[in-house]
Amino acid sequence: MAGLSPMMEQYFQIKKEYADTLLFFRLGDFYEMFFEDAKIASKELELVLTGRDCGQEERAPMCGVPFHSADSYIAKLVSRGYKVAICEQVEDPAQAKGIVKRDVVRIVTPGTVIESSMLDEGKNNFLASVYITDKSCGAAFVDVSTGEVHLDSFADSSDAARLMNQLGCFDPSEVLLNKYASSIKEVVSFVKDRLSARYQVLADDDYNEEACRQAVVSHIDENSEKFAEFKRNNALLLAFGSALNYLENAQKTKLENMGLLEQPHTSAGRIPSAAGYRLYVDELMADYRLSMDEANSIHTAIEEKMQRVDKMVEKVAKLVSQATDLPAISMASRQV
């Protein structure tokens, strides 16, 4: 765009690279958004939409948030399915010659959140990655905030019911799909309508086999028993590898402590009993290939039993309370 100011030229260079995000562009003590990003953010965050001279006849639509309180604004956008790129000043303004250098230091999406202020302490926050061909299917569920990884593979792509059962069990906040997977309408519909999760169709380049293998090998010894399943099912390798690369690209750093869980359990940290319940149901589904109706029936039965237990606890508490009051009643009767 001819006539742009140097700062706006820098903005557009960065925005071009992160076109599918809302770009939080650091200017002093604020993150500013411009043009269409500003219009979206001002509506979603209820911010005043202003304008800024950008070297052209019309002022650039603009809105901003203070950098010290940006997390709450980012959390609101991410919870509504937006992808946010955080662009920081990467050199000391006092040492800069001309425009201060800026670069994106983090991308935040529903499945890549690590800040405790943006997480629900009562549940896992899984990113799901699904890779499907006409012969096989692999699915990886990764919680980057805890380092948990759960994997599953299927013999053929026709077993969509089992895949949806798995997606329902782990309830990911974001789902990555390859092009073949995105062509299966019932899977996409389930992700959008049942899970209300953000989903993204990755490009073919994101499934480069060597890049995915290197990503997996950085966390799992290639000669170990755990890696053997990746050798048997290439779809699983591509699902897990693409998820790891997606997370590293978002974090702009190497991932650490990503471990495979081989059986349901609860551990220290943010792993609640609800997560254990989901994993227990997952085991049932894996072993018996439950249909969605059967899975819902089990869930309903458990809920009904829990409600009966709650009522029994209330009755016992009431009886204990009444028994505790008896001595006081007896003493009162003596005094009359």
Protein backbone atom coordinates (compact mmCIF):
# COMPACT_ATOMS: atom_id res chain seq x y z
CA MET A 1 0.00 0.00 0.00
CA ALA A 2 1.64 3.19 -1.25
CA GLY A 3 2.14 6.13 1.07
CA LEU A 4 2.11 4.17 4.33
CA SER A 5 4.09 5.44 7.28
CA PRO A 6 7.17 3.33 8.21
CA MET A 7 5.41 1.98 11.31
CA MET A 8 2.37 0.91 9.30
CA GLU A 9 4.60 -0.69 6.67
CA GLN A 10 6.13 -2.76 9.47
CA TYR A 11 2.63 -3.63 10.73
CA PHE A 12 1.51 -4.90 7.32
CA GLN A 13 4.67 -6.96 6.82
CA ILE A 14 3.98 -8.80 10.08
CA LYS A 15 0.22 -8.98 9.51
CA LYS A 16 0.79 -10.60 6.12
CA GLU A 17 2.65 -13.48 7.80
CA TYR A 18 -0.09 -13.91 10.43
CA ALA A 19 -3.10 -13.11 8.29
CA ASP A 20 -5.42 -15.57 10.07
CA THR A 21 -4.89 -13.96 13.49
CA LEU A 22 -5.94 -10.87 15.39
CA LEU A 23 -2.60 -9.08 15.70
CA PHE A 24 -1.85 -7.43 19.06
CA PHE A 25 0.77 -4.91 17.93
CA ARG A 26 2.86 -3.46 20.79
CA LEU A 27 3.14 0.34 20.83
CA GLY A 28 4.55 1.66 24.08
CA ASP A 29 2.33 0.57 26.97
CA PHE A 30 -0.50 -0.68 24.71
CA TYR A 31 -1.28 -3.46 22.29
CA GLU A 32 -2.95 -1.81 19.32
CA MET A 33 -5.10 -3.38 16.63
CA PHE A 34 -5.72 -1.83 13.23
CA PHE A 35 -8.13 -2.00 10.32
CA GLU A 36 -10.34 -5.13 10.27
CA ASP A 37 -8.70 -6.52 13.42
CA ALA A 38 -9.63 -3.32 15.23
CA LYS A 39 -13.25 -3.54 14.08
CA ILE A 40 -13.53 -7.13 15.30
CA ALA A 41 -11.78 -6.47 18.62
CA SER A 42 -13.76 -3.31 19.37
CA LYS A 43 -17.00 -5.24 18.90
CA GLU A 44 -15.98 -8.37 20.82
CA LEU A 45 -14.24 -6.52 23.67
CA GLU A 46 -16.52 -3.47 23.74
CA LEU A 47 -13.65 -1.08 23.07
CA VAL A 48 -13.87 2.40 21.59
CA LEU A 49 -12.92 2.35 17.92
CA THR A 50 -10.72 5.34 17.08
CA GLY A 51 -8.35 6.14 14.22
CA ARG A 52 -4.66 6.73 13.57
CA ASP A 53 -2.81 8.58 10.83
CA CYS A 54 -1.12 5.96 8.66
CA GLY A 55 0.20 8.03 5.76
CA GLN A 56 -2.95 7.74 3.66
CA GLU A 57 -5.96 10.00 3.20
CA GLU A 58 -8.17 7.98 5.53
CA ARG A 59 -7.19 7.26 9.12
CA ALA A 60 -6.66 3.62 10.03
CA PRO A 61 -9.38 2.19 12.31
CA MET A 62 -7.69 1.45 15.65
CA CYS A 63 -8.38 0.22 19.17
CA GLY A 64 -6.09 -0.93 21.95
CA VAL A 65 -5.69 -2.46 25.40
CA PRO A 66 -3.05 -1.82 28.13
CA PHE A 67 -0.28 -4.43 27.93
CA HIS A 68 -0.38 -5.09 31.69
CA SER A 69 -4.02 -6.21 31.54
CA ALA A 70 -3.98 -7.79 28.09
CA ASP A 71 -4.45 -11.38 29.34
CA SER A 72 -8.11 -10.87 30.21
CA TYR A 73 -8.84 -9.41 26.77
CA ILE A 74 -6.92 -12.16 24.99
CA ALA A 75 -8.73 -14.80 27.07
CA LYS A 76 -12.10 -13.40 25.99
CA LEU A 77 -11.14 -13.44 22.30
CA VAL A 78 -9.68 -16.95 22.51
CA SER A 79 -12.77 -18.26 24.33
CA ARG A 80 -14.78 -17.06 21.35
CA GLY A 81 -12.62 -19.00 18.92
CA TYR A 82 -10.24 -16.31 17.71
CA LYS A 83 -6.54 -16.80 17.11
CA VAL A 84 -4.41 -14.04 18.64
CA ALA A 85 -0.82 -13.18 17.67
CA ILE A 86 1.17 -11.16 20.21
CA CYS A 87 3.69 -8.86 18.54
CA GLU A 88 6.32 -7.35 20.86
CA GLN A 89 9.14 -4.85 20.53
CA VAL A 90 12.23 -7.06 20.32
CA GLU A 91 14.87 -4.38 20.74
CA ASP A 92 15.47 -1.50 23.11
CA PRO A 93 13.83 1.62 21.66
CA ALA A 94 16.78 3.67 22.94
CA GLN A 95 19.14 1.56 20.82
CA ALA A 96 16.92 1.39 17.74
CA LYS A 97 17.94 3.04 14.49
CA GLY A 98 14.67 4.05 12.91
CA ILE A 99 11.60 1.91 13.61
CA VAL A 100 11.88 -0.37 16.63
CA LYS A 101 12.09 -4.03 15.56
CA ARG A 102 8.97 -6.03 16.32
CA ASP A 103 8.10 -9.68 15.93
CA VAL A 104 5.40 -12.15 16.98
CA VAL A 105 6.53 -13.90 20.15
CA ARG A 106 3.44 -15.99 20.80
CA ILE A 107 0.25 -17.21 19.15
CA VAL A 108 -2.67 -17.95 21.44
CA THR A 109 -5.52 -20.26 20.42
CA PRO A 110 -8.00 -22.25 22.55
CA GLY A 111 -5.78 -25.36 22.47
CA THR A 112 -2.43 -23.61 23.07
CA VAL A 113 -3.20 -21.67 26.25
CA ILE A 114 -0.69 -22.07 29.10
CA GLU A 115 -1.57 -19.12 31.35
CA SER A 116 -3.39 -20.25 34.50
CA SER A 117 -5.51 -17.10 34.37
CA MET A 118 -6.99 -18.29 31.08
CA LEU A 119 -7.53 -21.93 32.11
CA ASP A 120 -10.32 -23.69 33.93
CA GLU A 121 -8.58 -25.26 36.94
CA GLY A 122 -11.22 -27.99 37.02
CA LYS A 123 -10.50 -29.62 33.67
CA ASN A 124 -7.86 -30.41 31.07
CA ASN A 125 -7.41 -28.20 28.04
CA PHE A 126 -6.73 -30.57 25.16
CA LEU A 127 -5.63 -29.80 21.63
CA ALA A 128 -6.77 -32.63 19.35
CA SER A 129 -5.02 -33.53 16.10
CA VAL A 130 -6.74 -35.94 13.71
CA TYR A 131 -5.16 -37.41 10.60
CA ILE A 132 -7.30 -39.67 8.41
CA THR A 133 -6.70 -41.53 5.16
CA ASP A 134 -8.89 -44.07 3.40
CA LYS A 135 -6.91 -46.83 5.16
CA SER A 136 -6.10 -45.55 8.64
CA CYS A 137 -6.76 -42.91 11.26
CA GLY A 138 -4.62 -41.42 14.04
CA ALA A 139 -5.68 -39.09 16.83
CA ALA A 140 -3.53 -37.23 19.37
CA PHE A 141 -4.85 -35.34 22.40
CA VAL A 142 -2.28 -32.97 23.94
CA ASP A 143 -2.63 -30.71 26.97
CA VAL A 144 0.35 -28.35 26.72
CA SER A 145 -0.39 -26.84 30.14
CA THR A 146 0.18 -30.18 31.90
CA GLY A 147 2.31 -32.10 29.39
CA GLU A 148 -0.28 -34.87 29.00
CA VAL A 149 -0.56 -36.81 25.75
CA HIS A 150 -3.13 -39.48 24.85
CA LEU A 151 -3.03 -41.29 21.51
CA ASP A 152 -5.39 -43.56 19.62
CA SER A 153 -5.33 -45.20 16.20
CA PHE A 154 -7.97 -46.93 14.14
CA ALA A 155 -7.68 -49.62 11.50
CA ASP A 156 -9.71 -47.75 8.91
CA SER A 157 -11.35 -44.39 8.30
CA SER A 158 -14.87 -45.81 8.36
CA ASP A 159 -14.87 -46.02 12.16
CA ALA A 160 -16.07 -42.43 12.58
CA ALA A 161 -18.23 -43.37 15.58
CA ARG A 162 -15.20 -44.42 17.61
CA LEU A 163 -13.33 -41.25 16.65
CA MET A 164 -16.26 -39.10 17.74
CA ASN A 165 -16.46 -41.05 20.99
CA GLN A 166 -12.83 -40.19 21.62
CA LEU A 167 -13.39 -36.54 20.78
CA GLY A 168 -16.36 -36.49 23.13
CA CYS A 169 -14.33 -38.08 25.94
CA PHE A 170 -11.44 -35.64 25.81
CA ASP A 171 -13.60 -32.64 24.91
CA PRO A 172 -10.79 -30.65 23.20
CA SER A 173 -11.04 -26.88 22.94
CA GLU A 174 -9.37 -26.96 19.53
CA VAL A 175 -9.14 -29.59 16.79
CA LEU A 176 -6.64 -29.87 13.94
CA LEU A 177 -7.75 -31.82 10.85
CA ASN A 178 -6.07 -32.88 7.65
CA LYS A 179 -7.94 -32.27 4.39
CA TYR A 180 -9.32 -35.82 4.19
CA ALA A 181 -10.66 -35.60 7.74
CA SER A 182 -12.29 -32.24 6.99
CA SER A 183 -14.19 -33.87 4.12
CA ILE A 184 -16.01 -36.22 6.53
CA LYS A 185 -19.12 -34.18 7.28
CA GLU A 186 -20.16 -36.05 10.41
CA VAL A 187 -16.76 -35.45 12.03
CA VAL A 188 -16.74 -31.72 11.23
CA SER A 189 -20.35 -31.39 12.37
CA PHE A 190 -19.55 -33.14 15.65
CA VAL A 191 -16.60 -30.82 16.32
CA LYS A 192 -18.56 -27.67 15.53
CA ASP A 193 -21.97 -28.50 16.97
CA ARG A 194 -21.36 -30.98 19.79
CA LEU A 195 -17.98 -29.81 21.03
CA SER A 196 -18.25 -26.14 20.03
CA ALA A 197 -14.49 -26.33 19.48
CA ARG A 198 -12.36 -24.21 17.21
CA TYR A 199 -11.10 -26.31 14.33
CA GLN A 200 -8.49 -25.71 11.68
CA VAL A 201 -7.65 -27.62 8.51
CA LEU A 202 -3.87 -27.82 8.24
CA ALA A 203 -2.02 -27.60 4.94
CA ASP A 204 -0.36 -30.63 3.38
CA ASP A 205 3.05 -29.15 4.26
CA ASP A 206 2.17 -29.43 7.96
CA TYR A 207 2.17 -33.22 7.54
CA ASN A 208 5.67 -33.56 6.14
CA GLU A 209 6.58 -37.04 7.37
CA GLU A 210 10.20 -36.27 8.29
CA ALA A 211 9.27 -33.08 10.15
CA CYS A 212 6.58 -34.96 12.08
CA ARG A 213 8.95 -37.82 12.86
CA GLN A 214 11.58 -35.43 14.17
CA ALA A 215 8.99 -33.74 16.38
CA VAL A 216 7.92 -37.07 17.88
CA VAL A 217 11.49 -38.34 18.30
CA SER A 218 12.32 -35.22 20.32
CA HIS A 219 9.93 -36.54 22.99
CA ILE A 220 9.98 -40.32 22.53
CA ASP A 221 13.02 -42.52 21.98
CA GLU A 222 12.84 -43.93 18.45
CA ASN A 223 14.10 -47.29 19.72
CA SER A 224 11.62 -47.54 22.57
CA GLU A 225 8.52 -49.72 22.78
CA LYS A 226 6.35 -46.60 22.86
CA PHE A 227 7.62 -45.55 19.42
CA ALA A 228 6.73 -48.93 17.90
CA GLU A 229 3.09 -47.91 17.42
CA PHE A 230 4.15 -44.96 15.26
CA LYS A 231 6.01 -47.39 12.99
CA ARG A 232 2.86 -49.48 12.64
CA ASN A 233 0.52 -46.55 12.01
CA ASN A 234 1.84 -43.64 9.98
CA ALA A 235 -1.41 -41.70 10.51
CA LEU A 236 -0.69 -41.66 14.25
CA LEU A 237 2.81 -40.32 13.63
CA LEU A 238 1.44 -37.51 11.46
CA ALA A 239 -1.34 -36.66 13.93
CA PHE A 240 1.00 -36.41 16.92
CA GLY A 241 3.90 -34.81 15.02
CA SER A 242 1.70 -32.11 13.49
CA ALA A 243 0.24 -31.32 16.93
CA LEU A 244 3.72 -30.91 18.44
CA ASN A 245 4.84 -28.66 15.58
CA TYR A 246 1.64 -26.61 15.83
CA LEU A 247 2.24 -26.08 19.56
CA GLU A 248 5.90 -25.18 19.07
CA ASN A 249 4.97 -22.66 16.40
CA ALA A 250 2.42 -21.13 18.78
CA GLN A 251 4.80 -21.05 21.74
CA LYS A 252 7.80 -19.97 19.62
CA THR A 253 9.93 -22.29 21.73
CA LYS A 254 10.74 -25.97 22.18
CA LEU A 255 8.20 -28.01 24.11
CA GLU A 256 9.26 -29.86 27.21
CA ASN A 257 7.80 -32.62 29.38
CA MET A 258 5.31 -34.03 26.87
CA GLY A 259 4.62 -37.55 28.15
CA LEU A 260 2.39 -40.37 26.96
CA LEU A 261 -0.19 -41.71 29.40
CA GLU A 262 -0.77 -45.41 28.89
CA GLN A 263 -3.70 -45.85 31.27
CA PRO A 264 -6.29 -43.68 33.02
CA HIS A 265 -5.09 -42.07 36.21
CA THR A 266 -5.24 -38.89 38.20
CA SER A 267 -2.05 -37.04 38.98
CA ALA A 268 -0.95 -33.95 40.83
CA GLY A 269 -1.83 -30.63 39.23
CA ARG A 270 -4.94 -29.71 37.32
CA ILE A 271 -6.22 -33.25 36.76
CA PRO A 272 -9.66 -33.52 38.36
CA SER A 273 -11.87 -36.50 39.02
CA ALA A 274 -13.89 -35.48 35.97
CA ALA A 275 -10.83 -36.11 33.80
CA GLY A 276 -10.45 -39.54 35.38
CA TYR A 277 -14.10 -40.23 34.62
CA ARG A 278 -13.65 -39.22 31.00
CA LEU A 279 -10.65 -41.53 30.68
CA TYR A 280 -12.58 -44.38 32.30
CA VAL A 281 -15.38 -43.98 29.76
CA ASP A 282 -12.73 -43.74 27.04
CA GLU A 283 -11.40 -47.16 28.04
CA LEU A 284 -14.89 -48.62 27.80
CA MET A 285 -15.32 -47.15 24.35
CA ALA A 286 -11.97 -48.43 23.14
CA ASP A 287 -12.67 -51.95 24.34
CA TYR A 288 -16.31 -52.31 23.38
CA ARG A 289 -16.76 -49.78 20.57
CA LEU A 290 -19.79 -48.17 22.22
CA SER A 291 -22.15 -46.20 20.08
CA MET A 292 -22.87 -42.59 21.03
CA ASP A 293 -26.32 -43.57 22.36
CA GLU A 294 -24.78 -46.28 24.56
CA ALA A 295 -22.16 -43.87 25.85
CA ASN A 296 -24.84 -41.30 26.67
CA SER A 297 -26.88 -43.98 28.47
CA ILE A 298 -23.89 -44.83 30.67
CA HIS A 299 -23.34 -41.15 31.41
CA THR A 300 -27.02 -40.67 32.30
CA ALA A 301 -27.01 -43.72 34.58
CA ILE A 302 -23.93 -42.47 36.44
CA GLU A 303 -25.48 -39.02 36.83
CA GLU A 304 -28.68 -40.51 38.26
CA LYS A 305 -26.71 -42.60 40.76
CA MET A 306 -24.69 -39.56 41.81
CA GLN A 307 -27.88 -37.60 42.38
CA ARG A 308 -29.21 -40.40 44.63
CA VAL A 309 -25.93 -40.41 46.56
CA ASP A 310 -26.18 -36.64 47.03
CA LYS A 311 -29.69 -36.99 48.45
CA MET A 312 -28.55 -39.72 50.85
CA VAL A 313 -25.67 -37.52 52.04
CA GLU A 314 -28.12 -34.67 52.66
CA LYS A 315 -30.35 -36.96 54.74
CA VAL A 316 -27.42 -38.24 56.80
CA ALA A 317 -26.20 -34.68 57.38
CA LYS A 318 -29.68 -33.69 58.56
CA LEU A 319 -29.87 -36.66 60.98
CA VAL A 320 -26.42 -35.81 62.36
CA SER A 321 -27.50 -32.22 62.83
CA GLN A 322 -30.65 -33.31 64.71
CA ALA A 323 -28.67 -35.71 66.91
CA THR A 324 -26.22 -32.92 67.79
CA ASP A 325 -29.13 -30.78 69.00
CA LEU A 326 -30.56 -33.47 71.38
CA PRO A 327 -28.41 -32.61 74.46
CA ALA A 328 -29.41 -29.00 74.21
CA ILE A 329 -33.10 -29.93 74.05
CA SER A 330 -32.71 -32.24 77.09
CA MET A 331 -31.04 -29.53 79.18
CA ALA A 332 -33.75 -27.08 78.26
CA SER A 333 -36.44 -29.49 79.45
CA ARG A 334 -34.71 -29.84 82.85
CA GLN A 335 -34.66 -26.11 83.36
CA VAL A 336 -38.39 -25.68 82.82
